[in-house]
Amino acid sequence: MALVAHDKMKDAMIEWVTAHAPALAKLDLYGTGTTGGRITQETGLPVTCLKSGPLGGDAQIGAMIAEKRLDALVFFIDPLSALPHDVDVKSLVRLATLYNTAMAINEKSATLMLKALDNN
């Protein structure tokens, strides 16, 4: 599972990961540089950190989706800010749709997706 969050959503991502740590601990976790680093530092869960989003981390996750190396993507998008990396967001959504990869963009959908993965 890849974990990505815009800057203003990183705290929400940490809270969500903390609340669901037992289920997430069963998965191979990947994250963009800052998000993944904060998750590991603040929760103790191991996350394979890719590059920071603006430096290509989103593209690395996109490649993992295209190569079918990810079962799921959790991307907490900041809905109240202009998206500085709108093209990257659209690319990940397009790839997840194209390759039928489970994707969640908020806490509720992420929780439902994680429960489904945990039951399989």
Protein backbone atom coordinates (compact mmCIF):
# COMPACT_ATOMS: atom_id res chain seq x y z
CA MET A 1 0.00 0.00 0.00
CA ALA A 2 1.25 3.46 -0.88
CA LEU A 3 0.60 6.34 1.51
CA VAL A 4 0.68 9.89 0.15
CA ALA A 5 -0.56 13.15 1.68
CA HIS A 6 -0.46 16.78 0.71
CA ASP A 7 1.33 19.01 3.23
CA LYS A 8 -1.82 20.18 5.00
CA MET A 9 -3.08 16.59 5.20
CA LYS A 10 0.03 14.97 6.67
CA ASP A 11 -1.22 15.29 10.27
CA ALA A 12 -4.50 13.62 9.27
CA MET A 13 -2.51 10.82 7.61
CA ILE A 14 -0.44 10.29 10.78
CA GLU A 15 -3.62 10.15 12.88
CA TRP A 16 -5.21 7.67 10.47
CA VAL A 17 -2.10 5.46 10.37
CA THR A 18 -1.83 5.52 14.17
CA ALA A 19 -5.48 4.48 14.52
CA HIS A 20 -5.03 1.60 12.08
CA ALA A 21 -1.46 0.55 12.88
CA PRO A 22 -2.24 -3.13 13.65
CA ALA A 23 -3.83 -3.69 10.22
CA LEU A 24 -1.22 -1.59 8.41
CA ALA A 25 1.62 -3.50 10.09
CA LYS A 26 0.57 -6.57 8.06
CA LEU A 27 1.18 -4.75 4.77
CA ASP A 28 4.22 -3.63 2.82
CA LEU A 29 4.01 0.15 3.07
CA TYR A 30 5.46 2.70 0.66
CA GLY A 31 5.33 6.45 0.88
CA THR A 32 6.58 9.60 -0.68
CA GLY A 33 9.63 10.93 1.14
CA THR A 34 8.20 13.35 3.67
CA THR A 35 4.96 11.46 4.32
CA GLY A 36 6.68 8.09 4.65
CA GLY A 37 9.42 9.49 6.86
CA ARG A 38 6.92 11.09 9.22
CA ILE A 39 4.87 7.90 9.43
CA THR A 40 7.92 5.85 10.41
CA GLN A 41 9.19 8.49 12.84
CA GLU A 42 5.85 9.11 14.53
CA THR A 43 4.30 5.61 14.50
CA GLY A 44 7.23 3.21 14.31
CA LEU A 45 5.75 1.44 11.29
CA PRO A 46 8.30 0.62 8.60
CA VAL A 47 7.65 2.50 5.36
CA THR A 48 9.79 2.24 2.26
CA CYS A 49 10.34 5.90 1.46
CA LEU A 50 10.52 7.00 -2.14
CA LYS A 51 11.45 10.49 -3.31
CA SER A 52 9.49 13.48 -2.09
CA GLY A 53 6.38 14.06 -4.20
CA PRO A 54 7.66 17.16 -6.02
CA LEU A 55 10.97 15.41 -6.72
CA GLY A 56 9.38 12.40 -8.41
CA GLY A 57 7.91 10.32 -5.60
CA ASP A 58 4.45 10.50 -7.16
CA ALA A 59 5.94 9.27 -10.43
CA GLN A 60 7.65 6.37 -8.61
CA ILE A 61 4.31 5.37 -7.09
CA GLY A 62 2.71 5.68 -10.51
CA ALA A 63 5.32 3.31 -11.92
CA MET A 64 4.62 0.83 -9.12
CA ILE A 65 0.92 0.96 -10.01
CA ALA A 66 1.68 0.41 -13.71
CA GLU A 67 3.93 -2.53 -12.81
CA LYS A 68 1.16 -3.96 -10.57
CA ARG A 69 3.40 -3.83 -7.49
CA LEU A 70 0.79 -2.02 -5.38
CA ASP A 71 -2.53 -3.35 -4.16
CA ALA A 72 -3.77 0.00 -2.89
CA LEU A 73 -3.15 3.74 -2.81
CA VAL A 74 -4.18 6.07 0.00
CA PHE A 75 -3.78 9.69 -1.08
CA PHE A 76 -5.04 12.33 1.33
CA ILE A 77 -5.61 15.28 -0.98
CA ASP A 78 -6.06 18.76 0.48
CA PRO A 79 -9.48 19.79 -0.89
CA LEU A 80 -9.19 23.41 0.23
CA SER A 81 -5.92 24.40 -1.43
CA ALA A 82 -5.05 24.99 -5.02
CA LEU A 83 -3.19 21.88 -6.05
CA PRO A 84 0.39 22.84 -6.86
CA HIS A 85 1.01 19.38 -8.25
CA ASP A 86 -2.38 18.90 -9.90
CA VAL A 87 -0.82 17.05 -12.82
CA ASP A 88 0.73 14.50 -10.43
CA VAL A 89 -2.62 13.98 -8.67
CA LYS A 90 -4.39 13.44 -11.99
CA SER A 91 -1.68 11.05 -13.11
CA LEU A 92 -2.02 8.86 -10.00
CA VAL A 93 -5.82 8.84 -10.23
CA ARG A 94 -5.61 7.95 -13.93
CA LEU A 95 -3.11 5.13 -13.35
CA ALA A 96 -5.03 3.70 -10.39
CA THR A 97 -8.17 3.72 -12.54
CA LEU A 98 -6.43 2.26 -15.59
CA TYR A 99 -4.79 -0.58 -13.65
CA ASN A 100 -7.78 -1.18 -11.34
CA THR A 101 -5.79 -0.38 -8.20
CA ALA A 102 -7.82 0.29 -5.06
CA MET A 103 -7.60 3.97 -4.16
CA ALA A 104 -8.83 6.07 -1.25
CA ILE A 105 -8.68 9.86 -1.01
CA ASN A 106 -10.05 10.47 2.48
CA GLU A 107 -10.09 8.81 5.91
CA LYS A 108 -13.45 7.07 5.56
CA SER A 109 -12.68 5.51 2.19
CA ALA A 110 -9.18 4.57 3.40
CA THR A 111 -10.64 2.83 6.45
CA LEU A 112 -13.17 0.90 4.36
CA MET A 113 -10.46 -0.13 1.90
CA LEU A 114 -8.11 -1.22 4.68
CA LYS A 115 -10.86 -3.33 6.29
CA ALA A 116 -11.46 -5.05 2.95
CA LEU A 117 -7.73 -5.73 2.52
CA ASP A 118 -7.47 -6.96 6.12
CA ASN A 119 -10.28 -9.46 5.51
CA ASN A 120 -8.54 -11.00 2.48
